[in-house]
Amino acid sequence: MSILVGEELRAAIRRGEVCVDPLEDSQIGPGSVDLTLGNDFRVFKKEAGIYHVHNDSDFADVTDLVSLTDGEFITIAPCEMILGITRERITLSENVAGWLEGRSRFARFGLAIHVTAGFMQPGISNQQVLEIVNLGRGPLALYPGTRICQFVFERCIGSAKYQGRFVNQVKP
């Protein structure tokens, strides 16, 4: 497998093997595409008790949906996690997969944008949920529209198409 960089990344976008919608040319870097933070979040309920994790668990049962307008912000306390989503929809051909990664400029504040789910399957067509954690010592304010993360594209050996639980996700 090979990471798409430079002109090969741009060519894959032109050929439709990689689609990022919406996309501005300035979001395309030498080896990745910057993605922006959307307006919808899931915030964990402040309830005492145990969150049971098993095959039938649903994160929606332990979170509340919060929607912001542009210009508003959401605050994350130290050691807190929220779910966000990208504004962009990523559509990959069946021979391209990808990795969602943070940006070092925000990691230096203690911001992590995914906990464990960084790999995106070939053939996806959805917005990317962000598992956002504040690892810093002070509260962080996040604004929709911020280029919060980057997506790295990788050509696969063979082809496959994701048909899982989150195939059409548009909300965190």
N, C-alpha and C. Protein backbone atom coordinates (compact mmCIF):
# COMPACT_ATOMS: atom_id res chain seq x y z
N MET A 1 0.85 -1.18 0.00
CA MET A 1 0.00 0.00 0.00
C MET A 1 0.89 1.24 0.00
N SER A 2 0.40 2.29 -0.65
CA SER A 2 1.18 3.51 -0.78
C SER A 2 0.33 4.72 -0.44
N ILE A 3 0.93 5.69 0.22
CA ILE A 3 0.25 6.94 0.54
C ILE A 3 0.26 7.83 -0.69
N LEU A 4 -0.88 8.45 -0.97
CA LEU A 4 -1.00 9.36 -2.11
C LEU A 4 -0.46 10.73 -1.70
N VAL A 5 0.52 11.22 -2.42
CA VAL A 5 1.13 12.52 -2.11
C VAL A 5 1.26 13.33 -3.40
N GLY A 6 1.42 14.64 -3.21
CA GLY A 6 1.71 15.55 -4.31
C GLY A 6 0.74 15.43 -5.46
N GLU A 7 1.28 15.35 -6.66
CA GLU A 7 0.47 15.31 -7.86
C GLU A 7 -0.41 14.06 -7.91
N GLU A 8 0.05 12.95 -7.33
CA GLU A 8 -0.77 11.73 -7.34
C GLU A 8 -2.04 11.92 -6.51
N LEU A 9 -1.96 12.65 -5.40
CA LEU A 9 -3.15 12.96 -4.61
C LEU A 9 -4.11 13.83 -5.42
N ARG A 10 -3.59 14.87 -6.04
CA ARG A 10 -4.43 15.75 -6.86
C ARG A 10 -5.05 14.98 -8.05
N ALA A 11 -4.27 14.08 -8.65
CA ALA A 11 -4.78 13.29 -9.78
C ALA A 11 -5.90 12.35 -9.32
N ALA A 12 -5.74 11.76 -8.14
CA ALA A 12 -6.79 10.87 -7.60
C ALA A 12 -8.07 11.65 -7.36
N ILE A 13 -7.95 12.90 -6.93
CA ILE A 13 -9.13 13.75 -6.75
C ILE A 13 -9.76 14.05 -8.11
N ARG A 14 -8.96 14.40 -9.10
CA ARG A 14 -9.49 14.69 -10.44
C ARG A 14 -10.18 13.46 -11.05
N ARG A 15 -9.61 12.27 -10.82
CA ARG A 15 -10.19 11.03 -11.37
C ARG A 15 -11.42 10.57 -10.62
N GLY A 16 -11.69 11.15 -9.45
CA GLY A 16 -12.84 10.74 -8.65
C GLY A 16 -12.57 9.57 -7.73
N GLU A 17 -11.32 9.12 -7.65
CA GLU A 17 -10.98 8.04 -6.71
C GLU A 17 -11.08 8.54 -5.27
N VAL A 18 -10.87 9.82 -5.10
CA VAL A 18 -10.98 10.51 -3.82
C VAL A 18 -11.88 11.71 -4.04
N CYS A 19 -12.94 11.82 -3.24
CA CYS A 19 -13.81 12.99 -3.31
C CYS A 19 -13.96 13.57 -1.91
N VAL A 20 -13.70 14.84 -1.79
CA VAL A 20 -13.88 15.57 -0.54
C VAL A 20 -14.84 16.70 -0.86
N ASP A 21 -16.00 16.71 -0.20
CA ASP A 21 -17.03 17.70 -0.52
C ASP A 21 -17.60 18.32 0.75
N PRO A 22 -17.46 19.65 0.89
CA PRO A 22 -16.83 20.60 0.00
C PRO A 22 -15.31 20.57 0.12
N LEU A 23 -14.62 21.11 -0.86
CA LEU A 23 -13.16 21.15 -0.85
C LEU A 23 -12.66 22.43 -1.49
N GLU A 24 -11.80 23.13 -0.78
CA GLU A 24 -11.08 24.28 -1.33
C GLU A 24 -9.66 23.82 -1.65
N ASP A 25 -9.09 24.36 -2.71
CA ASP A 25 -7.75 23.97 -3.12
C ASP A 25 -6.73 24.15 -1.99
N SER A 26 -6.92 25.16 -1.16
CA SER A 26 -5.98 25.44 -0.06
C SER A 26 -5.99 24.35 1.01
N GLN A 27 -7.00 23.48 1.02
CA GLN A 27 -7.05 22.39 1.99
C GLN A 27 -6.12 21.23 1.61
N ILE A 28 -5.69 21.19 0.35
CA ILE A 28 -4.86 20.08 -0.13
C ILE A 28 -3.40 20.38 0.18
N GLY A 29 -2.81 19.52 1.00
CA GLY A 29 -1.40 19.67 1.35
C GLY A 29 -0.55 18.70 0.55
N PRO A 30 0.74 18.61 0.87
CA PRO A 30 1.62 17.73 0.11
C PRO A 30 1.29 16.25 0.28
N GLY A 31 0.70 15.86 1.42
CA GLY A 31 0.41 14.44 1.62
C GLY A 31 -0.90 14.19 2.34
N SER A 32 -1.76 15.21 2.42
CA SER A 32 -3.04 15.04 3.11
C SER A 32 -3.98 16.17 2.72
N VAL A 33 -5.23 16.04 3.17
CA VAL A 33 -6.23 17.08 2.98
C VAL A 33 -6.72 17.50 4.35
N ASP A 34 -6.70 18.80 4.63
CA ASP A 34 -7.24 19.31 5.89
C ASP A 34 -8.76 19.22 5.88
N LEU A 35 -9.33 18.82 7.02
CA LEU A 35 -10.78 18.76 7.18
C LEU A 35 -11.21 19.73 8.27
N THR A 36 -12.40 20.29 8.12
CA THR A 36 -12.89 21.29 9.06
C THR A 36 -13.91 20.71 10.02
N LEU A 37 -13.97 21.32 11.18
CA LEU A 37 -14.89 20.91 12.23
C LEU A 37 -16.30 21.37 11.88
N GLY A 38 -17.24 20.45 11.96
CA GLY A 38 -18.64 20.76 11.69
C GLY A 38 -19.30 21.44 12.88
N ASN A 39 -20.62 21.58 12.81
CA ASN A 39 -21.39 22.30 13.82
C ASN A 39 -22.07 21.42 14.85
N ASP A 40 -22.05 20.11 14.65
CA ASP A 40 -22.75 19.19 15.53
C ASP A 40 -21.79 18.40 16.39
N PHE A 41 -22.19 18.22 17.66
CA PHE A 41 -21.36 17.52 18.64
C PHE A 41 -22.23 16.60 19.48
N ARG A 42 -21.61 15.59 20.05
CA ARG A 42 -22.26 14.77 21.07
C ARG A 42 -21.44 14.93 22.34
N VAL A 43 -22.11 15.37 23.39
CA VAL A 43 -21.48 15.62 24.68
C VAL A 43 -21.97 14.56 25.65
N PHE A 44 -21.04 13.96 26.39
CA PHE A 44 -21.41 12.92 27.32
C PHE A 44 -22.22 13.49 28.47
N LYS A 45 -23.31 12.77 28.83
CA LYS A 45 -24.17 13.19 29.92
C LYS A 45 -23.38 13.17 31.22
N LYS A 46 -23.67 14.10 32.08
CA LYS A 46 -22.98 14.21 33.37
C LYS A 46 -23.74 13.41 34.43
N GLU A 47 -23.83 12.14 34.22
CA GLU A 47 -24.57 11.27 35.14
C GLU A 47 -23.60 10.36 35.87
N ALA A 48 -23.95 10.09 37.11
CA ALA A 48 -23.18 9.10 37.86
C ALA A 48 -23.62 7.72 37.37
N GLY A 49 -22.77 6.77 37.51
CA GLY A 49 -23.13 5.43 37.09
C GLY A 49 -22.12 4.88 36.12
N ILE A 50 -22.44 3.73 35.63
CA ILE A 50 -21.53 3.00 34.75
C ILE A 50 -22.09 3.01 33.34
N TYR A 51 -21.24 3.30 32.37
CA TYR A 51 -21.60 3.14 30.97
C TYR A 51 -21.18 1.73 30.57
N HIS A 52 -22.16 0.91 30.26
CA HIS A 52 -21.87 -0.47 29.91
C HIS A 52 -21.45 -0.56 28.44
N VAL A 53 -20.33 -1.20 28.19
CA VAL A 53 -19.78 -1.34 26.85
C VAL A 53 -19.85 -2.81 26.44
N HIS A 54 -20.70 -3.08 25.46
CA HIS A 54 -20.86 -4.43 24.91
C HIS A 54 -21.34 -4.30 23.47
N ASN A 55 -21.55 -5.40 22.79
CA ASN A 55 -21.89 -5.36 21.36
C ASN A 55 -23.16 -4.57 21.04
N ASP A 56 -24.09 -4.47 21.97
CA ASP A 56 -25.33 -3.75 21.72
C ASP A 56 -25.32 -2.33 22.28
N SER A 57 -24.18 -1.86 22.80
CA SER A 57 -24.11 -0.50 23.36
C SER A 57 -24.32 0.53 22.26
N ASP A 58 -24.94 1.65 22.63
CA ASP A 58 -25.17 2.75 21.69
C ASP A 58 -24.72 4.04 22.36
N PHE A 59 -23.72 4.71 21.77
CA PHE A 59 -23.19 5.93 22.34
C PHE A 59 -24.25 7.02 22.47
N ALA A 60 -25.30 6.96 21.65
CA ALA A 60 -26.36 7.96 21.72
C ALA A 60 -27.11 7.90 23.05
N ASP A 61 -27.09 6.74 23.72
CA ASP A 61 -27.75 6.60 25.01
C ASP A 61 -27.04 7.37 26.12
N VAL A 62 -25.77 7.66 25.94
CA VAL A 62 -25.00 8.31 27.02
C VAL A 62 -24.51 9.70 26.62
N THR A 63 -25.03 10.21 25.49
CA THR A 63 -24.62 11.55 25.01
C THR A 63 -25.85 12.38 24.64
N ASP A 64 -25.65 13.68 24.60
CA ASP A 64 -26.67 14.62 24.12
C ASP A 64 -26.13 15.31 22.87
N LEU A 65 -27.00 15.54 21.89
CA LEU A 65 -26.62 16.24 20.67
C LEU A 65 -26.65 17.75 20.92
N VAL A 66 -25.56 18.42 20.53
CA VAL A 66 -25.45 19.88 20.65
C VAL A 66 -25.11 20.41 19.27
N SER A 67 -25.88 21.39 18.79
CA SER A 67 -25.61 22.01 17.50
C SER A 67 -25.28 23.48 17.71
N LEU A 68 -24.20 23.93 17.06
CA LEU A 68 -23.76 25.32 17.16
C LEU A 68 -23.95 26.03 15.83
N THR A 69 -24.07 27.34 15.90
CA THR A 69 -24.05 28.13 14.68
C THR A 69 -22.62 28.61 14.47
N ASP A 70 -22.29 28.98 13.26
CA ASP A 70 -20.95 29.51 12.99
C ASP A 70 -20.70 30.71 13.89
N GLY A 71 -19.50 30.79 14.45
CA GLY A 71 -19.15 31.86 15.36
C GLY A 71 -19.27 31.46 16.82
N GLU A 72 -20.11 30.47 17.11
CA GLU A 72 -20.21 29.95 18.48
C GLU A 72 -19.07 28.98 18.72
N PHE A 73 -18.84 28.61 19.98
CA PHE A 73 -17.81 27.62 20.31
C PHE A 73 -18.33 26.67 21.36
N ILE A 74 -17.67 25.54 21.45
CA ILE A 74 -17.94 24.55 22.48
C ILE A 74 -16.67 24.40 23.30
N THR A 75 -16.83 24.29 24.61
CA THR A 75 -15.68 24.20 25.50
C THR A 75 -15.49 22.76 25.95
N ILE A 76 -14.23 22.33 25.95
CA ILE A 76 -13.88 20.99 26.43
C ILE A 76 -12.95 21.16 27.63
N ALA A 77 -13.35 20.59 28.75
CA ALA A 77 -12.53 20.66 29.96
C ALA A 77 -11.36 19.69 29.84
N PRO A 78 -10.32 19.88 30.64
CA PRO A 78 -9.21 18.91 30.64
C PRO A 78 -9.74 17.50 30.96
N CYS A 79 -9.22 16.52 30.25
CA CYS A 79 -9.59 15.10 30.40
C CYS A 79 -11.01 14.79 29.95
N GLU A 80 -11.67 15.72 29.27
CA GLU A 80 -13.02 15.49 28.77
C GLU A 80 -12.96 15.05 27.31
N MET A 81 -13.96 14.24 26.92
CA MET A 81 -14.07 13.80 25.53
C MET A 81 -15.46 14.18 25.02
N ILE A 82 -15.51 14.65 23.77
CA ILE A 82 -16.77 14.88 23.07
C ILE A 82 -16.63 14.27 21.68
N LEU A 83 -17.74 14.10 21.01
CA LEU A 83 -17.73 13.64 19.62
C LEU A 83 -18.08 14.83 18.73
N GLY A 84 -17.34 14.99 17.66
CA GLY A 84 -17.64 16.01 16.66
C GLY A 84 -17.73 15.34 15.31
N ILE A 85 -17.87 16.13 14.27
CA ILE A 85 -17.94 15.58 12.92
C ILE A 85 -17.36 16.60 11.95
N THR A 86 -16.81 16.12 10.87
CA THR A 86 -16.26 17.02 9.85
C THR A 86 -17.39 17.59 9.00
N ARG A 87 -17.14 18.77 8.45
CA ARG A 87 -18.10 19.33 7.48
C ARG A 87 -18.03 18.57 6.17
N GLU A 88 -16.84 18.10 5.84
CA GLU A 88 -16.62 17.44 4.55
C GLU A 88 -17.09 15.99 4.57
N ARG A 89 -17.65 15.59 3.46
CA ARG A 89 -17.96 14.19 3.21
C ARG A 89 -16.80 13.61 2.41
N ILE A 90 -16.28 12.49 2.87
CA ILE A 90 -15.19 11.80 2.18
C ILE A 90 -15.78 10.60 1.44
N THR A 91 -15.50 10.52 0.16
CA THR A 91 -15.92 9.36 -0.64
C THR A 91 -14.66 8.78 -1.27
N LEU A 92 -14.44 7.49 -1.01
CA LEU A 92 -13.24 6.82 -1.52
C LEU A 92 -13.63 5.70 -2.47
N SER A 93 -12.82 5.51 -3.50
CA SER A 93 -13.04 4.37 -4.39
C SER A 93 -12.73 3.10 -3.60
N GLU A 94 -13.02 1.98 -4.19
CA GLU A 94 -12.86 0.69 -3.50
C GLU A 94 -11.41 0.24 -3.40
N ASN A 95 -10.48 1.04 -3.94
CA ASN A 95 -9.06 0.69 -3.79
C ASN A 95 -8.27 1.79 -3.08
N VAL A 96 -9.00 2.65 -2.35
CA VAL A 96 -8.36 3.70 -1.56
C VAL A 96 -8.95 3.66 -0.15
N ALA A 97 -8.08 3.69 0.85
CA ALA A 97 -8.47 3.78 2.26
C ALA A 97 -7.82 5.04 2.82
N GLY A 98 -7.99 5.29 4.09
CA GLY A 98 -7.38 6.49 4.62
C GLY A 98 -7.25 6.51 6.13
N TRP A 99 -6.51 7.50 6.59
CA TRP A 99 -6.22 7.67 8.01
C TRP A 99 -6.57 9.09 8.42
N LEU A 100 -7.34 9.20 9.47
CA LEU A 100 -7.69 10.48 10.05
C LEU A 100 -6.64 10.82 11.10
N GLU A 101 -6.03 11.98 10.97
CA GLU A 101 -4.95 12.36 11.88
C GLU A 101 -5.17 13.77 12.40
N GLY A 102 -4.62 14.03 13.57
CA GLY A 102 -4.66 15.38 14.13
C GLY A 102 -3.69 16.29 13.42
N ARG A 103 -3.70 17.53 13.82
CA ARG A 103 -2.74 18.51 13.29
C ARG A 103 -1.86 18.94 14.44
N SER A 104 -0.56 19.02 14.19
CA SER A 104 0.40 19.31 15.26
C SER A 104 0.14 20.67 15.90
N ARG A 105 -0.34 21.63 15.14
CA ARG A 105 -0.59 22.97 15.70
C ARG A 105 -1.60 22.93 16.84
N PHE A 106 -2.56 21.98 16.79
CA PHE A 106 -3.55 21.86 17.85
C PHE A 106 -3.15 20.83 18.89
N ALA A 107 -2.38 19.83 18.48
CA ALA A 107 -1.86 18.85 19.45
C ALA A 107 -1.02 19.55 20.50
N ARG A 108 -0.39 20.66 20.14
CA ARG A 108 0.45 21.40 21.08
C ARG A 108 -0.37 22.09 22.17
N PHE A 109 -1.69 22.15 21.99
CA PHE A 109 -2.60 22.63 23.03
C PHE A 109 -3.09 21.46 23.89
N GLY A 110 -2.77 20.24 23.48
CA GLY A 110 -3.27 19.06 24.17
C GLY A 110 -4.51 18.47 23.51
N LEU A 111 -4.83 18.90 22.29
CA LEU A 111 -6.04 18.46 21.60
C LEU A 111 -5.76 17.21 20.77
N ALA A 112 -6.51 16.15 21.03
CA ALA A 112 -6.47 14.93 20.23
C ALA A 112 -7.81 14.82 19.51
N ILE A 113 -7.79 14.47 18.24
CA ILE A 113 -9.04 14.45 17.48
C ILE A 113 -9.58 13.04 17.23
N HIS A 114 -8.84 12.02 17.58
CA HIS A 114 -9.42 10.67 17.58
C HIS A 114 -8.73 9.82 18.62
N VAL A 115 -9.52 8.98 19.25
CA VAL A 115 -9.00 8.14 20.32
C VAL A 115 -8.42 6.86 19.72
N THR A 116 -9.23 6.10 19.01
CA THR A 116 -8.74 4.84 18.44
C THR A 116 -9.21 4.59 17.02
N ALA A 117 -10.19 5.33 16.55
CA ALA A 117 -10.82 5.01 15.27
C ALA A 117 -10.27 5.88 14.15
N GLY A 118 -8.98 5.77 13.87
CA GLY A 118 -8.36 6.61 12.87
C GLY A 118 -8.38 6.06 11.45
N PHE A 119 -8.65 4.77 11.29
CA PHE A 119 -8.61 4.15 9.97
C PHE A 119 -9.98 4.23 9.30
N MET A 120 -10.00 4.66 8.04
CA MET A 120 -11.24 4.74 7.27
C MET A 120 -11.19 3.72 6.14
N GLN A 121 -12.21 2.92 6.06
CA GLN A 121 -12.28 1.78 5.14
C GLN A 121 -12.37 2.21 3.68
N PRO A 122 -11.91 1.36 2.76
CA PRO A 122 -12.10 1.65 1.33
C PRO A 122 -13.58 1.70 1.00
N GLY A 123 -13.94 2.54 0.04
CA GLY A 123 -15.32 2.63 -0.41
C GLY A 123 -16.24 3.42 0.50
N ILE A 124 -15.72 4.11 1.51
CA ILE A 124 -16.61 4.90 2.37
C ILE A 124 -17.18 6.09 1.62
N SER A 125 -18.27 6.61 2.12
CA SER A 125 -18.84 7.86 1.62
C SER A 125 -19.63 8.48 2.76
N ASN A 126 -18.93 9.17 3.65
CA ASN A 126 -19.59 9.78 4.80
C ASN A 126 -18.72 10.88 5.41
N GLN A 127 -19.30 11.57 6.37
CA GLN A 127 -18.55 12.54 7.15
C GLN A 127 -17.84 11.77 8.26
N GLN A 128 -16.73 12.32 8.72
CA GLN A 128 -15.90 11.61 9.68
C GLN A 128 -16.18 12.07 11.10
N VAL A 129 -16.53 11.12 11.97
CA VAL A 129 -16.74 11.43 13.38
C VAL A 129 -15.38 11.59 14.05
N LEU A 130 -15.27 12.61 14.88
CA LEU A 130 -14.04 12.90 15.60
C LEU A 130 -14.24 12.60 17.08
N GLU A 131 -13.36 11.83 17.64
CA GLU A 131 -13.37 11.51 19.08
C GLU A 131 -12.41 12.48 19.74
N ILE A 132 -12.91 13.65 20.08
CA ILE A 132 -12.08 14.79 20.49
C ILE A 132 -11.84 14.75 22.00
N VAL A 133 -10.56 14.81 22.37
CA VAL A 133 -10.18 14.78 23.79
C VAL A 133 -9.24 15.94 24.09
N ASN A 134 -9.46 16.55 25.24
CA ASN A 134 -8.56 17.59 25.73
C ASN A 134 -7.58 16.94 26.70
N LEU A 135 -6.35 16.76 26.27
CA LEU A 135 -5.30 16.18 27.11
C LEU A 135 -4.49 17.25 27.83
N GLY A 136 -4.87 18.51 27.62
CA GLY A 136 -4.14 19.62 28.21
C GLY A 136 -4.58 19.92 29.64
N ARG A 137 -4.03 21.00 30.17
CA ARG A 137 -4.29 21.37 31.56
C ARG A 137 -5.40 22.40 31.72
N GLY A 138 -5.79 23.05 30.61
CA GLY A 138 -6.84 24.07 30.69
C GLY A 138 -7.94 23.79 29.70
N PRO A 139 -9.11 24.44 29.89
CA PRO A 139 -10.22 24.26 28.96
C PRO A 139 -9.85 24.75 27.56
N LEU A 140 -10.43 24.12 26.54
CA LEU A 140 -10.22 24.50 25.15
C LEU A 140 -11.57 24.87 24.54
N ALA A 141 -11.61 25.94 23.75
CA ALA A 141 -12.81 26.35 23.02
C ALA A 141 -12.62 25.99 21.56
N LEU A 142 -13.53 25.20 21.02
CA LEU A 142 -13.47 24.77 19.62
C LEU A 142 -14.54 25.47 18.81
N TYR A 143 -14.16 25.91 17.61
CA TYR A 143 -15.04 26.66 16.72
C TYR A 143 -15.32 25.88 15.45
N PRO A 144 -16.60 25.71 15.08
CA PRO A 144 -16.91 25.11 13.79
C PRO A 144 -16.21 25.88 12.67
N GLY A 145 -15.77 25.13 11.66
CA GLY A 145 -15.07 25.73 10.53
C GLY A 145 -13.56 25.71 10.67
N THR A 146 -13.05 25.37 11.85
CA THR A 146 -11.61 25.28 12.06
C THR A 146 -11.06 24.05 11.34
N ARG A 147 -9.94 24.21 10.66
CA ARG A 147 -9.28 23.05 10.02
C ARG A 147 -8.61 22.24 11.12
N ILE A 148 -9.37 21.32 11.66
CA ILE A 148 -9.01 20.65 12.91
C ILE A 148 -8.20 19.38 12.73
N CYS A 149 -8.29 18.75 11.56
CA CYS A 149 -7.61 17.48 11.35
C CYS A 149 -7.22 17.34 9.89
N GLN A 150 -6.59 16.22 9.58
CA GLN A 150 -6.18 15.95 8.20
C GLN A 150 -6.47 14.49 7.86
N PHE A 151 -6.67 14.25 6.58
CA PHE A 151 -6.97 12.91 6.09
C PHE A 151 -5.84 12.50 5.15
N VAL A 152 -5.25 11.35 5.43
CA VAL A 152 -4.16 10.79 4.62
C VAL A 152 -4.74 9.64 3.80
N PHE A 153 -4.52 9.65 2.50
CA PHE A 153 -5.10 8.65 1.60
C PHE A 153 -4.07 7.61 1.22
N GLU A 154 -4.51 6.36 1.16
CA GLU A 154 -3.61 5.25 0.89
C GLU A 154 -4.22 4.32 -0.15
N ARG A 155 -3.45 4.03 -1.20
CA ARG A 155 -3.92 3.10 -2.22
C ARG A 155 -3.78 1.67 -1.69
N CYS A 156 -4.82 0.87 -1.92
CA CYS A 156 -4.87 -0.50 -1.39
C CYS A 156 -4.47 -1.52 -2.46
N ILE A 157 -4.04 -2.65 -2.02
CA ILE A 157 -3.85 -3.81 -2.88
C ILE A 157 -5.17 -4.57 -2.87
N GLY A 158 -5.86 -4.63 -3.99
CA GLY A 158 -7.20 -5.22 -4.04
C GLY A 158 -8.24 -4.13 -3.85
N SER A 159 -9.50 -4.56 -3.73
CA SER A 159 -10.58 -3.59 -3.54
C SER A 159 -11.63 -4.17 -2.61
N ALA A 160 -12.34 -3.29 -1.93
CA ALA A 160 -13.41 -3.66 -1.00
C ALA A 160 -14.28 -2.43 -0.80
N LYS A 161 -15.47 -2.63 -0.24
CA LYS A 161 -16.36 -1.50 0.01
C LYS A 161 -16.97 -1.63 1.40
N TYR A 162 -16.83 -0.57 2.18
CA TYR A 162 -17.39 -0.54 3.54
C TYR A 162 -18.91 -0.53 3.49
N GLN A 163 -19.54 -1.41 4.27
CA GLN A 163 -21.00 -1.49 4.36
C GLN A 163 -21.44 -1.58 5.82
N GLY A 164 -20.65 -1.03 6.72
CA GLY A 164 -20.90 -1.17 8.15
C GLY A 164 -21.95 -0.24 8.72
N ARG A 165 -22.00 -0.22 10.03
CA ARG A 165 -22.99 0.51 10.81
C ARG A 165 -23.04 2.01 10.51
N PHE A 166 -21.90 2.60 10.18
CA PHE A 166 -21.84 4.04 10.01
C PHE A 166 -21.71 4.45 8.53
N VAL A 167 -22.22 3.64 7.64
CA VAL A 167 -22.03 3.85 6.21
C VAL A 167 -22.56 5.21 5.74
N ASN A 168 -23.61 5.72 6.34
CA ASN A 168 -24.20 6.99 5.89
C ASN A 168 -24.15 8.08 6.96
N GLN A 169 -23.17 8.05 7.86
CA GLN A 169 -23.18 8.99 8.97
C GLN A 169 -23.04 10.43 8.50
N VAL A 170 -23.89 11.29 9.09
CA VAL A 170 -23.84 12.73 8.84
C VAL A 170 -23.93 13.51 10.14
N LYS A 171 -24.10 12.83 11.26
CA LYS A 171 -24.13 13.43 12.59
C LYS A 171 -23.14 12.67 13.46
N PRO A 172 -22.57 13.36 14.45
CA PRO A 172 -21.64 12.63 15.33
C PRO A 172 -22.37 11.62 16.20
